[in-house]
């Protein structure tokens, strides 16, 4: 789901880089920005590119799965 940010101003988002993104593997760089009710996800190598926008509940359901998969590496 791609949609405009709340208020329509994507430049006002505060992006945080994943702690699993590091300089040793530049192909795995993810950033997220949360606003009430919505989480935005983007590729930190292409900050002006497409974003995935999710309802906060969908993001909350995804995170435990992602952690479980990461622990299985």
PDB file of N, CA and C in Angstrom:
ATOM      1  N   UNK A   1       0.841  -1.160   0.000  1.00  0.00           N
ATOM      2  CA  UNK A   1       0.000   0.000   0.000  1.00  0.00           C
ATOM      3  C   UNK A   1       0.893   1.231   0.000  1.00  0.00           C
ATOM      4  N   UNK A   2       0.780   2.042  -1.011  1.00  0.00           N
ATOM      5  CA  UNK A   2       1.518   3.299  -1.086  1.00  0.00           C
ATOM      6  C   UNK A   2       0.495   4.424  -0.979  1.00  0.00           C
ATOM      7  N   UNK A   3       0.777   5.355  -0.108  1.00  0.00           N
ATOM      8  CA  UNK A   3      -0.132   6.487   0.036  1.00  0.00           C
ATOM      9  C   UNK A   3       0.632   7.684   0.551  1.00  0.00           C
ATOM     10  N   UNK A   4      -0.009   8.825   0.509  1.00  0.00           N
ATOM     11  CA  UNK A   4       0.614  10.047   1.022  1.00  0.00           C
ATOM     12  C   UNK A   4       0.720   9.978   2.541  1.00  0.00           C
ATOM     13  N   UNK A   5       1.690  10.664   3.080  1.00  0.00           N
ATOM     14  CA  UNK A   5       1.850  10.721   4.521  1.00  0.00           C
ATOM     15  C   UNK A   5       0.757  11.585   5.129  1.00  0.00           C
ATOM     16  N   UNK A   6       0.557  11.433   6.407  1.00  0.00           N
ATOM     17  CA  UNK A   6      -0.399  12.287   7.100  1.00  0.00           C
ATOM     18  C   UNK A   6       0.028  13.733   6.895  1.00  0.00           C
ATOM     19  N   UNK A   7      -0.876  14.545   6.430  1.00  0.00           N
ATOM     20  CA  UNK A   7      -0.541  15.938   6.155  1.00  0.00           C
ATOM     21  C   UNK A   7       0.097  16.140   4.800  1.00  0.00           C
ATOM     22  N   UNK A   8       0.469  15.051   4.106  1.00  0.00           N
ATOM     23  CA  UNK A   8       1.013  15.138   2.763  1.00  0.00           C
ATOM     24  C   UNK A   8       2.441  15.627   2.672  1.00  0.00           C
ATOM     25  N   UNK A   9       3.161  15.762   3.776  1.00  0.00           N
ATOM     26  CA  UNK A   9       4.510  16.311   3.733  1.00  0.00           C
ATOM     27  C   UNK A   9       5.524  15.241   4.129  1.00  0.00           C
ATOM     28  N   UNK A  10       6.007  14.479   3.153  1.00  0.00           N
ATOM     29  CA  UNK A  10       6.955  13.402   3.414  1.00  0.00           C
ATOM     30  C   UNK A  10       8.285  13.918   3.942  1.00  0.00           C
ATOM     31  N   UNK A  11       8.658  15.149   3.607  1.00  0.00           N
ATOM     32  CA  UNK A  11       9.940  15.684   4.059  1.00  0.00           C
ATOM     33  C   UNK A  11       9.941  15.943   5.565  1.00  0.00           C
ATOM     34  N   UNK A  12       8.774  16.006   6.191  1.00  0.00           N
ATOM     35  CA  UNK A  12       8.689  16.253   7.627  1.00  0.00           C
ATOM     36  C   UNK A  12       8.862  14.977   8.453  1.00  0.00           C
ATOM     37  N   UNK A  13       8.959  13.821   7.797  1.00  0.00           N
ATOM     38  CA  UNK A  13       9.115  12.569   8.532  1.00  0.00           C
ATOM     39  C   UNK A  13      10.511  12.462   9.135  1.00  0.00           C
ATOM     40  N   UNK A  14      10.597  11.828  10.291  1.00  0.00           N
ATOM     41  CA  UNK A  14      11.882  11.576  10.947  1.00  0.00           C
ATOM     42  C   UNK A  14      12.244  10.117  10.695  1.00  0.00           C
ATOM     43  N   UNK A  15      13.206   9.892   9.803  1.00  0.00           N
ATOM     44  CA  UNK A  15      13.582   8.538   9.388  1.00  0.00           C
ATOM     45  C   UNK A  15      14.639   7.958  10.305  1.00  0.00           C
ATOM     46  N   UNK A  16      14.460   6.689  10.662  1.00  0.00           N
ATOM     47  CA  UNK A  16      15.421   5.958  11.487  1.00  0.00           C
ATOM     48  C   UNK A  16      15.929   4.761  10.705  1.00  0.00           C
ATOM     49  N   UNK A  17      17.230   4.561  10.731  1.00  0.00           N
ATOM     50  CA  UNK A  17      17.837   3.444  10.009  1.00  0.00           C
ATOM     51  C   UNK A  17      17.808   2.193  10.879  1.00  0.00           C
ATOM     52  N   UNK A  18      17.533   1.072  10.266  1.00  0.00           N
ATOM     53  CA  UNK A  18      17.513  -0.197  10.983  1.00  0.00           C
ATOM     54  C   UNK A  18      18.864  -0.471  11.623  1.00  0.00           C
ATOM     55  N   UNK A  19      18.840  -1.033  12.822  1.00  0.00           N
ATOM     56  CA  UNK A  19      20.102  -1.394  13.485  1.00  0.00           C
ATOM     57  C   UNK A  19      20.789  -2.544  12.755  1.00  0.00           C
ATOM     58  N   UNK A  20      20.065  -3.245  11.893  1.00  0.00           N
ATOM     59  CA  UNK A  20      20.648  -4.334  11.113  1.00  0.00           C
ATOM     60  C   UNK A  20      21.236  -3.845   9.800  1.00  0.00           C
ATOM     61  N   UNK A  21      21.072  -2.565   9.479  1.00  0.00           N
ATOM     62  CA  UNK A  21      21.686  -1.983   8.292  1.00  0.00           C
ATOM     63  C   UNK A  21      23.064  -1.489   8.688  1.00  0.00           C
ATOM     64  N   UNK A  22      24.064  -1.954   7.967  1.00  0.00           N
ATOM     65  CA  UNK A  22      25.422  -1.512   8.290  1.00  0.00           C
ATOM     66  C   UNK A  22      26.205  -1.298   7.006  1.00  0.00           C
ATOM     67  N   UNK A  23      27.364  -0.720   7.131  1.00  0.00           N
ATOM     68  CA  UNK A  23      28.162  -0.393   5.959  1.00  0.00           C
ATOM     69  C   UNK A  23      28.817  -1.611   5.328  1.00  0.00           C
ATOM     70  N   UNK A  24      28.829  -2.761   6.009  1.00  0.00           N
ATOM     71  CA  UNK A  24      29.470  -3.945   5.441  1.00  0.00           C
ATOM     72  C   UNK A  24      28.621  -4.600   4.363  1.00  0.00           C
ATOM     73  N   UNK A  25      27.317  -4.334   4.360  1.00  0.00           N
ATOM     74  CA  UNK A  25      26.443  -4.875   3.322  1.00  0.00           C
ATOM     75  C   UNK A  25      25.477  -3.782   2.885  1.00  0.00           C
ATOM     76  N   UNK A  26      25.876  -3.033   1.889  1.00  0.00           N
ATOM     77  CA  UNK A  26      25.083  -1.879   1.474  1.00  0.00           C
ATOM     78  C   UNK A  26      23.781  -2.265   0.778  1.00  0.00           C
ATOM     79  N   UNK A  27      23.549  -3.557   0.546  1.00  0.00           N
ATOM     80  CA  UNK A  27      22.304  -3.986  -0.100  1.00  0.00           C
ATOM     81  C   UNK A  27      21.164  -4.175   0.892  1.00  0.00           C
ATOM     82  N   UNK A  28      21.422  -4.050   2.173  1.00  0.00           N
ATOM     83  CA  UNK A  28      20.399  -4.277   3.189  1.00  0.00           C
ATOM     84  C   UNK A  28      20.219  -3.036   4.057  1.00  0.00           C
ATOM     85  N   UNK A  29      19.670  -2.006   3.480  1.00  0.00           N
ATOM     86  CA  UNK A  29      19.502  -0.748   4.198  1.00  0.00           C
ATOM     87  C   UNK A  29      18.030  -0.354   4.208  1.00  0.00           C
ATOM     88  N   UNK A  30      17.441  -0.381   5.385  1.00  0.00           N
ATOM     89  CA  UNK A  30      16.034  -0.048   5.538  1.00  0.00           C
ATOM     90  C   UNK A  30      15.896   1.080   6.549  1.00  0.00           C
ATOM     91  N   UNK A  31      15.002   2.017   6.247  1.00  0.00           N
ATOM     92  CA  UNK A  31      14.685   3.089   7.182  1.00  0.00           C
ATOM     93  C   UNK A  31      13.181   3.106   7.399  1.00  0.00           C
ATOM     94  N   UNK A  32      12.791   3.495   8.614  1.00  0.00           N
ATOM     95  CA  UNK A  32      11.366   3.618   8.931  1.00  0.00           C
ATOM     96  C   UNK A  32      11.100   4.985   9.542  1.00  0.00           C
ATOM     97  N   UNK A  33       9.892   5.457   9.340  1.00  0.00           N
ATOM     98  CA  UNK A  33       9.429   6.704   9.957  1.00  0.00           C
ATOM     99  C   UNK A  33       8.008   6.445  10.442  1.00  0.00           C
ATOM    100  N   UNK A  34       7.767   6.716  11.705  1.00  0.00           N
ATOM    101  CA  UNK A  34       6.447   6.468  12.276  1.00  0.00           C
ATOM    102  C   UNK A  34       5.752   7.782  12.601  1.00  0.00           C
ATOM    103  N   UNK A  35       4.488   7.838  12.270  1.00  0.00           N
ATOM    104  CA  UNK A  35       3.601   8.926  12.667  1.00  0.00           C
ATOM    105  C   UNK A  35       2.384   8.240  13.281  1.00  0.00           C
ATOM    106  N   UNK A  36       1.604   8.934  14.039  1.00  0.00           N
ATOM    107  CA  UNK A  36       0.464   8.264  14.679  1.00  0.00           C
ATOM    108  C   UNK A  36      -0.383   7.476  13.672  1.00  0.00           C
ATOM    109  N   UNK A  37      -0.467   6.173  13.903  1.00  0.00           N
ATOM    110  CA  UNK A  37      -1.299   5.306  13.088  1.00  0.00           C
ATOM    111  C   UNK A  37      -0.678   4.772  11.816  1.00  0.00           C
ATOM    112  N   UNK A  38       0.533   5.225  11.459  1.00  0.00           N
ATOM    113  CA  UNK A  38       1.140   4.845  10.184  1.00  0.00           C
ATOM    114  C   UNK A  38       2.649   4.665  10.337  1.00  0.00           C
ATOM    115  N   UNK A  39       3.203   3.684   9.621  1.00  0.00           N
ATOM    116  CA  UNK A  39       4.652   3.490   9.555  1.00  0.00           C
ATOM    117  C   UNK A  39       5.052   3.495   8.086  1.00  0.00           C
ATOM    118  N   UNK A  40       6.075   4.286   7.763  1.00  0.00           N
ATOM    119  CA  UNK A  40       6.607   4.395   6.410  1.00  0.00           C
ATOM    120  C   UNK A  40       7.928   3.643   6.368  1.00  0.00           C
ATOM    121  N   UNK A  41       8.174   2.917   5.276  1.00  0.00           N
ATOM    122  CA  UNK A  41       9.400   2.141   5.112  1.00  0.00           C
ATOM    123  C   UNK A  41      10.007   2.522   3.769  1.00  0.00           C
ATOM    124  N   UNK A  42      11.336   2.722   3.746  1.00  0.00           N
ATOM    125  CA  UNK A  42      12.004   3.051   2.489  1.00  0.00           C
ATOM    126  C   UNK A  42      13.396   2.426   2.458  1.00  0.00           C
ATOM    127  N   UNK A  43      13.957   2.394   1.277  1.00  0.00           N
ATOM    128  CA  UNK A  43      15.329   1.939   1.043  1.00  0.00           C
ATOM    129  C   UNK A  43      16.237   3.145   1.280  1.00  0.00           C
ATOM    130  N   UNK A  44      17.154   3.037   2.218  1.00  0.00           N
ATOM    131  CA  UNK A  44      17.990   4.199   2.543  1.00  0.00           C
ATOM    132  C   UNK A  44      18.955   4.559   1.430  1.00  0.00           C
ATOM    133  N   UNK A  45      19.164   3.662   0.472  1.00  0.00           N
ATOM    134  CA  UNK A  45      20.018   3.988  -0.664  1.00  0.00           C
ATOM    135  C   UNK A  45      19.273   4.796  -1.715  1.00  0.00           C
ATOM    136  N   UNK A  46      17.938   4.845  -1.616  1.00  0.00           N
ATOM    137  CA  UNK A  46      17.119   5.556  -2.587  1.00  0.00           C
ATOM    138  C   UNK A  46      16.040   6.329  -1.825  1.00  0.00           C
ATOM    139  N   UNK A  47      16.436   7.348  -1.096  1.00  0.00           N
ATOM    140  CA  UNK A  47      15.522   8.055  -0.200  1.00  0.00           C
ATOM    141  C   UNK A  47      14.403   8.788  -0.923  1.00  0.00           C
ATOM    142  N   UNK A  48      14.587   9.107  -2.181  1.00  0.00           N
ATOM    143  CA  UNK A  48      13.509   9.778  -2.914  1.00  0.00           C
ATOM    144  C   UNK A  48      12.664   8.776  -3.702  1.00  0.00           C
ATOM    145  N   UNK A  49      12.994   7.495  -3.583  1.00  0.00           N
ATOM    146  CA  UNK A  49      12.270   6.458  -4.308  1.00  0.00           C
ATOM    147  C   UNK A  49      10.966   6.075  -3.625  1.00  0.00           C
ATOM    148  N   UNK A  50      10.386   4.974  -4.050  1.00  0.00           N
ATOM    149  CA  UNK A  50       9.098   4.545  -3.498  1.00  0.00           C
ATOM    150  C   UNK A  50       9.189   4.179  -2.021  1.00  0.00           C
ATOM    151  N   UNK A  51       8.060   4.323  -1.358  1.00  0.00           N
ATOM    152  CA  UNK A  51       7.947   3.972   0.068  1.00  0.00           C
ATOM    153  C   UNK A  51       6.789   3.021   0.248  1.00  0.00           C
ATOM    154  N   UNK A  52       6.912   2.181   1.230  1.00  0.00           N
ATOM    155  CA  UNK A  52       5.815   1.333   1.657  1.00  0.00           C
ATOM    156  C   UNK A  52       5.193   2.005   2.870  1.00  0.00           C
ATOM    157  N   UNK A  53       3.894   2.192   2.839  1.00  0.00           N
ATOM    158  CA  UNK A  53       3.197   2.831   3.951  1.00  0.00           C
ATOM    159  C   UNK A  53       2.209   1.839   4.523  1.00  0.00           C
ATOM    160  N   UNK A  54       2.335   1.573   5.824  1.00  0.00           N
ATOM    161  CA  UNK A  54       1.525   0.551   6.484  1.00  0.00           C
ATOM    162  C   UNK A  54       0.761   1.125   7.666  1.00  0.00           C
ATOM    163  N   UNK A  55      -0.418   0.573   7.938  1.00  0.00           N
ATOM    164  CA  UNK A  55      -1.079   0.924   9.192  1.00  0.00           C
ATOM    165  C   UNK A  55      -0.195   0.433  10.352  1.00  0.00           C
ATOM    166  N   UNK A  56      -0.177   1.154  11.438  1.00  0.00           N
ATOM    167  CA  UNK A  56       0.675   0.798  12.575  1.00  0.00           C
ATOM    168  C   UNK A  56       0.413  -0.633  13.047  1.00  0.00           C
ATOM    169  N   UNK A  57      -0.836  -1.089  13.016  1.00  0.00           N
ATOM    170  CA  UNK A  57      -1.157  -2.447  13.461  1.00  0.00           C
ATOM    171  C   UNK A  57      -0.502  -3.497  12.559  1.00  0.00           C
ATOM    172  N   UNK A  58      -0.440  -3.243  11.261  1.00  0.00           N
ATOM    173  CA  UNK A  58       0.205  -4.182  10.341  1.00  0.00           C
ATOM    174  C   UNK A  58       1.707  -4.242  10.610  1.00  0.00           C
ATOM    175  N   UNK A  59       2.317  -3.100  10.865  1.00  0.00           N
ATOM    176  CA  UNK A  59       3.748  -3.063  11.183  1.00  0.00           C
ATOM    177  C   UNK A  59       4.020  -3.823  12.483  1.00  0.00           C
ATOM    178  N   UNK A  60       3.176  -3.594  13.481  1.00  0.00           N
ATOM    179  CA  UNK A  60       3.350  -4.272  14.772  1.00  0.00           C
ATOM    180  C   UNK A  60       3.232  -5.784  14.616  1.00  0.00           C
ATOM    181  N   UNK A  61       2.372  -6.241  13.726  1.00  0.00           N
ATOM    182  CA  UNK A  61       2.236  -7.682  13.485  1.00  0.00           C
ATOM    183  C   UNK A  61       3.440  -8.235  12.726  1.00  0.00           C
ATOM    184  N   UNK A  62       4.059  -7.433  11.868  1.00  0.00           N
ATOM    185  CA  UNK A  62       5.206  -7.862  11.071  1.00  0.00           C
ATOM    186  C   UNK A  62       6.495  -7.959  11.874  1.00  0.00           C
ATOM    187  N   UNK A  63       6.742  -7.030  12.767  1.00  0.00           N
ATOM    188  CA  UNK A  63       8.028  -6.948  13.469  1.00  0.00           C
ATOM    189  C   UNK A  63       8.405  -8.244  14.198  1.00  0.00           C
ATOM    190  N   UNK A  64       7.533  -8.866  14.984  1.00  0.00           N
ATOM    191  CA  UNK A  64       7.938 -10.122  15.642  1.00  0.00           C
ATOM    192  C   UNK A  64       8.334 -11.207  14.636  1.00  0.00           C
ATOM    193  N   UNK A  65       7.670 -11.269  13.491  1.00  0.00           N
ATOM    194  CA  UNK A  65       8.030 -12.239  12.462  1.00  0.00           C
ATOM    195  C   UNK A  65       9.428 -11.940  11.931  1.00  0.00           C
ATOM    196  N   UNK A  66       9.722 -10.677  11.661  1.00  0.00           N
ATOM    197  CA  UNK A  66      11.024 -10.294  11.135  1.00  0.00           C
ATOM    198  C   UNK A  66      12.134 -10.608  12.132  1.00  0.00           C
ATOM    199  N   UNK A  67      11.877 -10.384  13.390  1.00  0.00           N
ATOM    200  CA  UNK A  67      12.870 -10.697  14.428  1.00  0.00           C
ATOM    201  C   UNK A  67      13.113 -12.194  14.490  1.00  0.00           C
ATOM    202  N   UNK A  68      12.057 -12.978  14.420  1.00  0.00           N
ATOM    203  CA  UNK A  68      12.177 -14.436  14.461  1.00  0.00           C
ATOM    204  C   UNK A  68      13.006 -14.946  13.278  1.00  0.00           C
ATOM    205  N   UNK A  69      12.748 -14.413  12.086  1.00  0.00           N
ATOM    206  CA  UNK A  69      13.499 -14.822  10.905  1.00  0.00           C
ATOM    207  C   UNK A  69      14.955 -14.430  11.059  1.00  0.00           C
ATOM    208  N   UNK A  70      15.223 -13.227  11.559  1.00  0.00           N
ATOM    209  CA  UNK A  70      16.596 -12.758  11.737  1.00  0.00           C
ATOM    210  C   UNK A  70      17.352 -13.633  12.740  1.00  0.00           C
ATOM    211  N   UNK A  71      16.690 -14.049  13.805  1.00  0.00           N
ATOM    212  CA  UNK A  71      17.347 -14.890  14.807  1.00  0.00           C
ATOM    213  C   UNK A  71      17.692 -16.265  14.249  1.00  0.00           C
ATOM    214  N   UNK A  72      17.003 -16.679  13.208  1.00  0.00           N
ATOM    215  CA  UNK A  72      17.256 -17.974  12.594  1.00  0.00           C
ATOM    216  C   UNK A  72      18.403 -17.998  11.614  1.00  0.00           C
ATOM    217  N   UNK A  73      19.042 -16.858  11.390  1.00  0.00           N
ATOM    218  CA  UNK A  73      20.178 -16.794  10.445  1.00  0.00           C
ATOM    219  C   UNK A  73      21.289 -17.685  10.855  1.00  0.00           C
TER     220      UNK A  73
END
